[in-house]
Each structure stands twice: as C-alpha cells, then as structure tokens.
Amino acid sequence: MDELMGSAAEQAALVAEFAHPVSRDAERGRVDVLDLGCGTGRLVGALAVALPTVRCTGVDWQPQLIEYAEHEYPEAVYHVADLRSVHLHRSYDIIVCLGDALAHLSPEGIDIDRACSVFAEHARPGATLLIGTRTHAAPVPEERRILAPKPGLLDGPVQLRTSVDVDSQQRLTLHRVWAFAHGPTVRDQLNLWAHDPDFLSQRLAEVGFHRRDGPAPVMAFTFDGQSV
C-alpha cells in the first residue's frame, strides 16, 4: 500500500528531489515521469503541485482506477496496461514504481524479469528508477481511505478498508473491503510477495541499472544501458 512509502505529498517531494537536477539540465525544460502502478493517480496530482515542470504518464492494470485518475488528475496521460508487458514506445527521465505495484508480482519465474525489462525499455540513459516495495513478509493492520465522489463515476464517497496478513508459509494476502455509499459492500483479496533487495538489484543490474543511495524504504537506481 502507498502508506508504506509515505503519503502522496511525501512521495512527490522525493520524486521532485531527483527531478530538480534533470529540470535544470534538460534543454527541453521539462521532466518526463512514468508512474508504473499509478492507482488512482494521487502521486501524479501531488507532483503537479510540487514540480510544475513535470510531465507525467500513469500506468495501471485496473481500468476503474485509471478512470478515476483521469477524472481526478487530468493533467497526466494514462494507460491501462500490465507492468510486465506495457510498451509505450517512449522513454522517461524518472520511472516510479511504489506502493504495492511490484508486490503483486512473484519473485520466482519470469514476472520480475519482465518488469525489469519494462523499466529498461522506458528509461533514458542516466534515468532514475525509484522502487518502493515490500522487502519482508509482515502483517499490516487495517487502514482506511475515503475515495471522493465524482460525477458520472462515483455517486457517493467510497470507504476502502485494507489489511495484510501472513500465513504459515510466509505468503502475504491483501484484503480489501469497498463500502459504496449507494450500493453493496464488495470484498476482494490479492496475493502479494516480498522482494529481497539484493536479488532485485541483481536482476536490475542485468538490464543496465545500478543501485545508488536513496532514502529508505525507497530503492534508487540509475540506468546506464540503452533503452529499446
């Protein structure tokens, strides 16, 4: 959940810290940011306030979240796509993958390799990659968030309750309860995985990223390779 990485404003301040040097050096006078797993677009909205020179693209695999983001934060461009297979045919100065976006992918098999390839495909030489994800299996108590109503999208406020538990095999499960103002209460759950930072760094090194200093719990990388 985004709360693991701080509020949207705190995330935006972090991105802006990395973006300021790019903004000063860029002849085009702007910074291109790709938010993979943008959800409802809260980071995009906060970035527009923190850094007016930023130009954001948001990607999420859930159409309803992208629809909400388009209504709430129309200053960005959005795409409904999978983190493992999106191809936008352009590159970015900063790529952001925070919250639980990466935690939805199993560290085993090819999921992480595909995600790393997507990062590299969309990175300009010298680009910064910021990753925030779960690094150990730990339960999270219930958290509550209110989604504001939007004309033609949400008839009333929606209360979202989330929690994470861990079973005896150290598997994580995200539980969500959506309480609609004028409708039923909907429950769903998703599997999550923790990612070892060293293993993740090794996979990213194979596609041209090297790890650099960054404020915990976010991991920062610089792209030394060539984007496709």
C-alpha atoms as a PDB file:
ATOM      1  CA  MET A   1       0.000   0.000   0.000  1.00  0.00           C
ATOM      2  CA  ASP A   2       1.100   3.535  -0.667  1.00  0.00           C
ATOM      3  CA  GLU A   3       1.224   4.246   3.037  1.00  0.00           C
ATOM      4  CA  LEU A   4       4.335   2.068   3.247  1.00  0.00           C
ATOM      5  CA  MET A   5       6.159   4.684   1.177  1.00  0.00           C
ATOM      6  CA  GLY A   6       4.571   7.714   2.833  1.00  0.00           C
ATOM      7  CA  SER A   7       1.774   9.997   1.695  1.00  0.00           C
ATOM      8  CA  ALA A   8       1.347  11.134  -1.899  1.00  0.00           C
ATOM      9  CA  ALA A   9       2.827  14.512  -0.959  1.00  0.00           C
ATOM     10  CA  GLU A  10       5.873  12.825   0.616  1.00  0.00           C
ATOM     11  CA  GLN A  11       6.319  10.629  -2.446  1.00  0.00           C
ATOM     12  CA  ALA A  12       6.051  13.664  -4.705  1.00  0.00           C
ATOM     13  CA  ALA A  13       8.690  15.512  -2.651  1.00  0.00           C
ATOM     14  CA  LEU A  14      11.015  12.526  -3.089  1.00  0.00           C
ATOM     15  CA  VAL A  15      10.483  12.406  -6.860  1.00  0.00           C
ATOM     16  CA  ALA A  16      10.967  16.167  -7.077  1.00  0.00           C
ATOM     17  CA  GLU A  17      14.306  15.835  -5.265  1.00  0.00           C
ATOM     18  CA  PHE A  18      15.582  13.576  -8.049  1.00  0.00           C
ATOM     19  CA  ALA A  19      13.851  15.622 -10.749  1.00  0.00           C
ATOM     20  CA  HIS A  20      15.305  19.049  -9.934  1.00  0.00           C
ATOM     21  CA  PRO A  21      18.780  18.303 -11.387  1.00  0.00           C
ATOM     22  CA  VAL A  22      17.121  16.919 -14.533  1.00  0.00           C
ATOM     23  CA  SER A  23      14.963  20.014 -14.822  1.00  0.00           C
ATOM     24  CA  ARG A  24      17.996  22.309 -14.591  1.00  0.00           C
ATOM     25  CA  ASP A  25      19.958  20.356 -17.194  1.00  0.00           C
ATOM     26  CA  ALA A  26      17.199  19.490 -19.647  1.00  0.00           C
ATOM     27  CA  GLU A  27      17.163  21.740 -22.698  1.00  0.00           C
ATOM     28  CA  ARG A  28      13.507  20.896 -23.194  1.00  0.00           C
ATOM     29  CA  GLY A  29      12.695  22.484 -19.817  1.00  0.00           C
ATOM     30  CA  ARG A  30      10.594  19.626 -18.515  1.00  0.00           C
ATOM     31  CA  VAL A  31      10.953  16.303 -16.708  1.00  0.00           C
ATOM     32  CA  ASP A  32       9.179  13.217 -18.026  1.00  0.00           C
ATOM     33  CA  VAL A  33       7.971  10.872 -15.267  1.00  0.00           C
ATOM     34  CA  LEU A  34       6.455   7.408 -15.687  1.00  0.00           C
ATOM     35  CA  ASP A  35       4.412   6.120 -12.739  1.00  0.00           C
ATOM     36  CA  LEU A  36       4.008   2.344 -13.061  1.00  0.00           C
ATOM     37  CA  GLY A  37       1.190   1.195 -10.810  1.00  0.00           C
ATOM     38  CA  CYS A  38      -0.272   4.699 -10.516  1.00  0.00           C
ATOM     39  CA  GLY A  39      -3.572   3.541  -8.995  1.00  0.00           C
ATOM     40  CA  THR A  40      -5.947   6.471  -8.510  1.00  0.00           C
ATOM     41  CA  GLY A  41      -3.282   8.976  -9.584  1.00  0.00           C
ATOM     42  CA  ARG A  42      -2.606  10.562  -6.199  1.00  0.00           C
ATOM     43  CA  LEU A  43       1.144  10.801  -6.829  1.00  0.00           C
ATOM     44  CA  VAL A  44       0.529  12.381 -10.231  1.00  0.00           C
ATOM     45  CA  GLY A  45      -1.671  15.033  -8.645  1.00  0.00           C
ATOM     46  CA  ALA A  46       0.851  15.768  -5.907  1.00  0.00           C
ATOM     47  CA  LEU A  47       3.680  16.011  -8.447  1.00  0.00           C
ATOM     48  CA  ALA A  48       1.780  18.601 -10.458  1.00  0.00           C
ATOM     49  CA  VAL A  49       1.804  20.788  -7.338  1.00  0.00           C
ATOM     50  CA  ALA A  50       5.371  20.027  -6.212  1.00  0.00           C
ATOM     51  CA  LEU A  51       7.031  20.303  -9.637  1.00  0.00           C
ATOM     52  CA  PRO A  52       5.185  22.255 -12.351  1.00  0.00           C
ATOM     53  CA  THR A  53       7.821  21.299 -14.968  1.00  0.00           C
ATOM     54  CA  VAL A  54       6.977  17.605 -14.671  1.00  0.00           C
ATOM     55  CA  ARG A  55       5.057  15.746 -17.389  1.00  0.00           C
ATOM     56  CA  CYS A  56       3.537  12.522 -16.068  1.00  0.00           C
ATOM     57  CA  THR A  57       2.364   9.279 -17.585  1.00  0.00           C
ATOM     58  CA  GLY A  58       0.449   6.861 -15.361  1.00  0.00           C
ATOM     59  CA  VAL A  59       0.003   3.122 -15.939  1.00  0.00           C
ATOM     60  CA  ASP A  60      -2.193   0.701 -14.016  1.00  0.00           C
ATOM     61  CA  TRP A  61      -3.799  -2.600 -14.916  1.00  0.00           C
ATOM     62  CA  GLN A  62      -7.160  -1.800 -13.240  1.00  0.00           C
ATOM     63  CA  PRO A  63      -9.444   0.183 -15.609  1.00  0.00           C
ATOM     64  CA  GLN A  64     -11.605   1.563 -12.802  1.00  0.00           C
ATOM     65  CA  LEU A  65      -8.589   3.120 -11.095  1.00  0.00           C
ATOM     66  CA  ILE A  66      -7.386   4.686 -14.340  1.00  0.00           C
ATOM     67  CA  GLU A  67     -10.875   6.050 -14.970  1.00  0.00           C
ATOM     68  CA  TYR A  68     -10.859   7.631 -11.525  1.00  0.00           C
ATOM     69  CA  ALA A  69      -7.363   9.090 -12.093  1.00  0.00           C
ATOM     70  CA  GLU A  70      -8.422  10.612 -15.419  1.00  0.00           C
ATOM     71  CA  HIS A  71     -11.292  12.406 -13.701  1.00  0.00           C
ATOM     72  CA  GLU A  72      -9.338  13.455 -10.605  1.00  0.00           C
ATOM     73  CA  TYR A  73      -5.950  14.345 -12.139  1.00  0.00           C
ATOM     74  CA  PRO A  74      -6.445  15.091 -15.854  1.00  0.00           C
ATOM     75  CA  GLU A  75      -3.027  16.760 -16.189  1.00  0.00           C
ATOM     76  CA  ALA A  76      -1.415  13.354 -16.860  1.00  0.00           C
ATOM     77  CA  VAL A  77      -1.665  10.804 -19.660  1.00  0.00           C
ATOM     78  CA  TYR A  78      -2.903   7.381 -18.545  1.00  0.00           C
ATOM     79  CA  HIS A  79      -2.794   3.851 -19.909  1.00  0.00           C
ATOM     80  CA  VAL A  80      -4.488   0.646 -18.794  1.00  0.00           C
ATOM     81  CA  ALA A  81      -1.688  -1.908 -19.057  1.00  0.00           C
ATOM     82  CA  ASP A  82       0.189  -4.654 -17.220  1.00  0.00           C
ATOM     83  CA  LEU A  83       3.504  -3.773 -15.563  1.00  0.00           C
ATOM     84  CA  ARG A  84       5.058  -6.869 -17.143  1.00  0.00           C
ATOM     85  CA  SER A  85       4.140  -6.093 -20.735  1.00  0.00           C
ATOM     86  CA  VAL A  86       3.433  -2.383 -21.291  1.00  0.00           C
ATOM     87  CA  HIS A  87       5.136  -0.799 -24.325  1.00  0.00           C
ATOM     88  CA  LEU A  88       4.687   2.973 -24.586  1.00  0.00           C
ATOM     89  CA  HIS A  89       7.370   3.468 -27.278  1.00  0.00           C
ATOM     90  CA  ARG A  90       8.979   6.409 -25.485  1.00  0.00           C
ATOM     91  CA  SER A  91      11.491   6.948 -22.707  1.00  0.00           C
ATOM     92  CA  TYR A  92      11.472   8.864 -19.425  1.00  0.00           C
ATOM     93  CA  ASP A  93      13.787  10.738 -17.058  1.00  0.00           C
ATOM     94  CA  ILE A  94      12.292   9.197 -13.922  1.00  0.00           C
ATOM     95  CA  ILE A  95      10.429   5.906 -13.539  1.00  0.00           C
ATOM     96  CA  VAL A  96       8.477   5.366 -10.332  1.00  0.00           C
ATOM     97  CA  CYS A  97       7.151   2.053  -9.023  1.00  0.00           C
ATOM     98  CA  LEU A  98       5.895   2.490  -5.468  1.00  0.00           C
ATOM     99  CA  GLY A  99       3.168   1.125  -3.219  1.00  0.00           C
ATOM    100  CA  ASP A 100       2.244  -2.498  -3.899  1.00  0.00           C
ATOM    101  CA  ALA A 101       2.762  -2.440  -7.671  1.00  0.00           C
ATOM    102  CA  LEU A 102       5.801  -4.726  -7.629  1.00  0.00           C
ATOM    103  CA  ALA A 103       4.500  -6.779  -4.701  1.00  0.00           C
ATOM    104  CA  HIS A 104       1.772  -8.153  -6.985  1.00  0.00           C
ATOM    105  CA  LEU A 105       4.483  -9.969  -8.981  1.00  0.00           C
ATOM    106  CA  SER A 106       6.038 -13.209  -7.820  1.00  0.00           C
ATOM    107  CA  PRO A 107       9.824 -13.030  -7.335  1.00  0.00           C
ATOM    108  CA  GLU A 108      10.026 -16.505  -8.852  1.00  0.00           C
ATOM    109  CA  GLY A 109       9.734 -17.266 -12.546  1.00  0.00           C
ATOM    110  CA  ILE A 110       9.740 -14.575 -15.210  1.00  0.00           C
ATOM    111  CA  ASP A 111       7.476 -11.907 -13.684  1.00  0.00           C
ATOM    112  CA  ILE A 112      10.294  -9.834 -12.201  1.00  0.00           C
ATOM    113  CA  ASP A 113      12.483 -10.267 -15.297  1.00  0.00           C
ATOM    114  CA  ARG A 114       9.643  -8.934 -17.448  1.00  0.00           C
ATOM    115  CA  ALA A 115       9.133  -5.955 -15.123  1.00  0.00           C
ATOM    116  CA  CYS A 116      12.858  -5.161 -15.180  1.00  0.00           C
ATOM    117  CA  SER A 117      12.812  -5.253 -18.974  1.00  0.00           C
ATOM    118  CA  VAL A 118       9.901  -2.800 -18.973  1.00  0.00           C
ATOM    119  CA  PHE A 119      11.878  -0.462 -16.698  1.00  0.00           C
ATOM    120  CA  ALA A 120      14.859  -0.577 -19.059  1.00  0.00           C
ATOM    121  CA  GLU A 121      12.740  -0.189 -22.183  1.00  0.00           C
ATOM    122  CA  HIS A 122      11.304   3.105 -20.909  1.00  0.00           C
ATOM    123  CA  ALA A 123      14.466   4.604 -19.336  1.00  0.00           C
ATOM    124  CA  ARG A 124      16.591   7.273 -20.966  1.00  0.00           C
ATOM    125  CA  PRO A 125      20.357   6.966 -20.442  1.00  0.00           C
ATOM    126  CA  GLY A 126      21.018   8.301 -16.952  1.00  0.00           C
ATOM    127  CA  ALA A 127      17.377   7.938 -15.906  1.00  0.00           C
ATOM    128  CA  THR A 128      16.428   7.380 -12.277  1.00  0.00           C
ATOM    129  CA  LEU A 129      14.314   4.406 -11.201  1.00  0.00           C
ATOM    130  CA  LEU A 130      12.605   4.642  -7.803  1.00  0.00           C
ATOM    131  CA  ILE A 131      11.204   1.414  -6.365  1.00  0.00           C
ATOM    132  CA  GLY A 132       9.287   1.013  -3.151  1.00  0.00           C
ATOM    133  CA  THR A 133       8.005  -2.462  -2.333  1.00  0.00           C
ATOM    134  CA  ARG A 134       7.673  -4.987   0.458  1.00  0.00           C
ATOM    135  CA  THR A 135      11.021  -6.482   1.428  1.00  0.00           C
ATOM    136  CA  HIS A 136       9.790  -8.837   4.150  1.00  0.00           C
ATOM    137  CA  ALA A 137       6.582 -10.671   4.959  1.00  0.00           C
ATOM    138  CA  ALA A 138       4.901  -8.687   7.708  1.00  0.00           C
ATOM    139  CA  PRO A 139       1.216  -8.183   8.514  1.00  0.00           C
ATOM    140  CA  VAL A 140      -0.305  -4.708   8.242  1.00  0.00           C
ATOM    141  CA  PRO A 141      -3.304  -3.698  10.403  1.00  0.00           C
ATOM    142  CA  GLU A 142      -6.450  -2.337   8.844  1.00  0.00           C
ATOM    143  CA  GLU A 143      -6.142   1.041   7.145  1.00  0.00           C
ATOM    144  CA  ARG A 144      -8.967   3.219   5.865  1.00  0.00           C
ATOM    145  CA  ARG A 145      -9.175   5.579   2.926  1.00  0.00           C
ATOM    146  CA  ILE A 146     -12.056   7.612   1.502  1.00  0.00           C
ATOM    147  CA  LEU A 147     -12.438   7.954  -2.263  1.00  0.00           C
ATOM    148  CA  ALA A 148     -14.313  11.154  -3.049  1.00  0.00           C
ATOM    149  CA  PRO A 149     -17.433  11.056  -5.263  1.00  0.00           C
ATOM    150  CA  LYS A 150     -17.037  12.018  -8.903  1.00  0.00           C
ATOM    151  CA  PRO A 151     -19.905  12.959 -11.283  1.00  0.00           C
ATOM    152  CA  GLY A 152     -20.611  10.082 -13.615  1.00  0.00           C
ATOM    153  CA  LEU A 153     -18.051   7.876 -11.886  1.00  0.00           C
ATOM    154  CA  LEU A 154     -18.854   7.546  -8.173  1.00  0.00           C
ATOM    155  CA  ASP A 155     -22.312   8.559  -6.935  1.00  0.00           C
ATOM    156  CA  GLY A 156     -21.033   8.970  -3.418  1.00  0.00           C
ATOM    157  CA  PRO A 157     -17.918   8.547  -1.291  1.00  0.00           C
ATOM    158  CA  VAL A 158     -16.401   5.066  -1.154  1.00  0.00           C
ATOM    159  CA  GLN A 159     -14.720   3.833   2.002  1.00  0.00           C
ATOM    160  CA  LEU A 160     -11.833   1.469   1.250  1.00  0.00           C
ATOM    161  CA  ARG A 161     -10.516  -0.686   4.099  1.00  0.00           C
ATOM    162  CA  THR A 162      -7.314  -2.663   3.551  1.00  0.00           C
ATOM    163  CA  SER A 163      -5.241  -5.054   5.635  1.00  0.00           C
ATOM    164  CA  VAL A 164      -2.463  -7.569   5.008  1.00  0.00           C
ATOM    165  CA  ASP A 165      -1.950 -10.888   6.760  1.00  0.00           C
ATOM    166  CA  VAL A 166       0.775 -13.526   6.568  1.00  0.00           C
ATOM    167  CA  ASP A 167       0.207 -17.296   6.644  1.00  0.00           C
ATOM    168  CA  SER A 168       2.462 -20.021   7.991  1.00  0.00           C
ATOM    169  CA  GLN A 169       4.259 -20.235   4.614  1.00  0.00           C
ATOM    170  CA  GLN A 170       5.135 -16.503   4.739  1.00  0.00           C
ATOM    171  CA  ARG A 171       2.694 -15.705   1.973  1.00  0.00           C
ATOM    172  CA  LEU A 172       1.031 -12.284   2.027  1.00  0.00           C
ATOM    173  CA  THR A 173      -2.629 -11.645   1.309  1.00  0.00           C
ATOM    174  CA  LEU A 174      -4.090  -8.181   0.792  1.00  0.00           C
ATOM    175  CA  HIS A 175      -7.726  -7.946   1.910  1.00  0.00           C
ATOM    176  CA  ARG A 176      -9.889  -5.078   0.613  1.00  0.00           C
ATOM    177  CA  VAL A 177     -13.407  -4.016   1.571  1.00  0.00           C
ATOM    178  CA  TRP A 178     -15.116  -1.451  -0.678  1.00  0.00           C
ATOM    179  CA  ALA A 179     -18.089   0.210   1.070  1.00  0.00           C
ATOM    180  CA  PHE A 180     -20.107   2.134  -1.526  1.00  0.00           C
ATOM    181  CA  ALA A 181     -22.410   4.925  -0.356  1.00  0.00           C
ATOM    182  CA  HIS A 182     -25.265   3.814  -2.624  1.00  0.00           C
ATOM    183  CA  GLY A 183     -24.666   0.144  -3.179  1.00  0.00           C
ATOM    184  CA  PRO A 184     -23.345  -3.108  -1.763  1.00  0.00           C
ATOM    185  CA  THR A 185     -20.155  -3.712   0.150  1.00  0.00           C
ATOM    186  CA  VAL A 186     -17.655  -5.583  -2.031  1.00  0.00           C
ATOM    187  CA  ARG A 187     -14.801  -7.696  -0.699  1.00  0.00           C
ATOM    188  CA  ASP A 188     -11.797  -8.991  -2.599  1.00  0.00           C
ATOM    189  CA  GLN A 189      -8.287 -10.192  -1.888  1.00  0.00           C
ATOM    190  CA  LEU A 190      -4.965 -10.316  -3.722  1.00  0.00           C
ATOM    191  CA  ASN A 191      -1.774 -12.298  -3.258  1.00  0.00           C
ATOM    192  CA  LEU A 192       1.373 -10.288  -2.528  1.00  0.00           C
ATOM    193  CA  TRP A 193       5.057 -11.147  -2.425  1.00  0.00           C
ATOM    194  CA  ALA A 194       8.031  -9.671  -0.596  1.00  0.00           C
ATOM    195  CA  HIS A 195      11.172  -8.964  -2.654  1.00  0.00           C
ATOM    196  CA  ASP A 196      14.727  -9.303  -1.417  1.00  0.00           C
ATOM    197  CA  PRO A 197      16.532  -6.006  -2.229  1.00  0.00           C
ATOM    198  CA  ASP A 198      19.786  -7.734  -3.202  1.00  0.00           C
ATOM    199  CA  PHE A 199      18.013 -10.150  -5.530  1.00  0.00           C
ATOM    200  CA  LEU A 200      16.051  -7.292  -7.088  1.00  0.00           C
ATOM    201  CA  SER A 201      19.220  -5.213  -7.514  1.00  0.00           C
ATOM    202  CA  GLN A 202      20.902  -8.148  -9.253  1.00  0.00           C
ATOM    203  CA  ARG A 203      18.022  -8.520 -11.707  1.00  0.00           C
ATOM    204  CA  LEU A 204      18.046  -4.797 -12.453  1.00  0.00           C
ATOM    205  CA  ALA A 205      21.831  -4.815 -12.969  1.00  0.00           C
ATOM    206  CA  GLU A 206      21.333  -7.372 -15.739  1.00  0.00           C
ATOM    207  CA  VAL A 207      19.293  -4.850 -17.752  1.00  0.00           C
ATOM    208  CA  GLY A 208      21.504  -1.820 -17.136  1.00  0.00           C
ATOM    209  CA  PHE A 209      20.593  -0.339 -13.730  1.00  0.00           C
ATOM    210  CA  HIS A 210      22.970   0.211 -10.823  1.00  0.00           C
ATOM    211  CA  ARG A 211      21.838   0.965  -7.303  1.00  0.00           C
ATOM    212  CA  ARG A 212      22.554   4.355  -5.785  1.00  0.00           C
ATOM    213  CA  ASP A 213      21.932   5.994  -2.426  1.00  0.00           C
ATOM    214  CA  GLY A 214      18.304   6.740  -1.704  1.00  0.00           C
ATOM    215  CA  PRO A 215      16.094   7.366   1.317  1.00  0.00           C
ATOM    216  CA  ALA A 216      14.736   4.166   2.872  1.00  0.00           C
ATOM    217  CA  PRO A 217      12.452   2.385   2.258  1.00  0.00           C
ATOM    218  CA  VAL A 218      12.714   3.517  -1.377  1.00  0.00           C
ATOM    219  CA  MET A 219      15.439   1.986  -3.545  1.00  0.00           C
ATOM    220  CA  ALA A 220      17.021   4.263  -6.153  1.00  0.00           C
ATOM    221  CA  PHE A 221      18.762   3.127  -9.353  1.00  0.00           C
ATOM    222  CA  THR A 222      20.454   4.828 -12.305  1.00  0.00           C
ATOM    223  CA  PHE A 223      20.130   3.478 -15.831  1.00  0.00           C
ATOM    224  CA  ASP A 224      23.453   3.003 -17.621  1.00  0.00           C
ATOM    225  CA  GLY A 225      22.164   0.981 -20.525  1.00  0.00           C
ATOM    226  CA  GLN A 226      20.383   1.829 -23.757  1.00  0.00           C
ATOM    227  CA  SER A 227      16.598   1.923 -23.878  1.00  0.00           C
ATOM    228  CA  VAL A 228      14.911  -0.008 -26.655  1.00  0.00           C
END
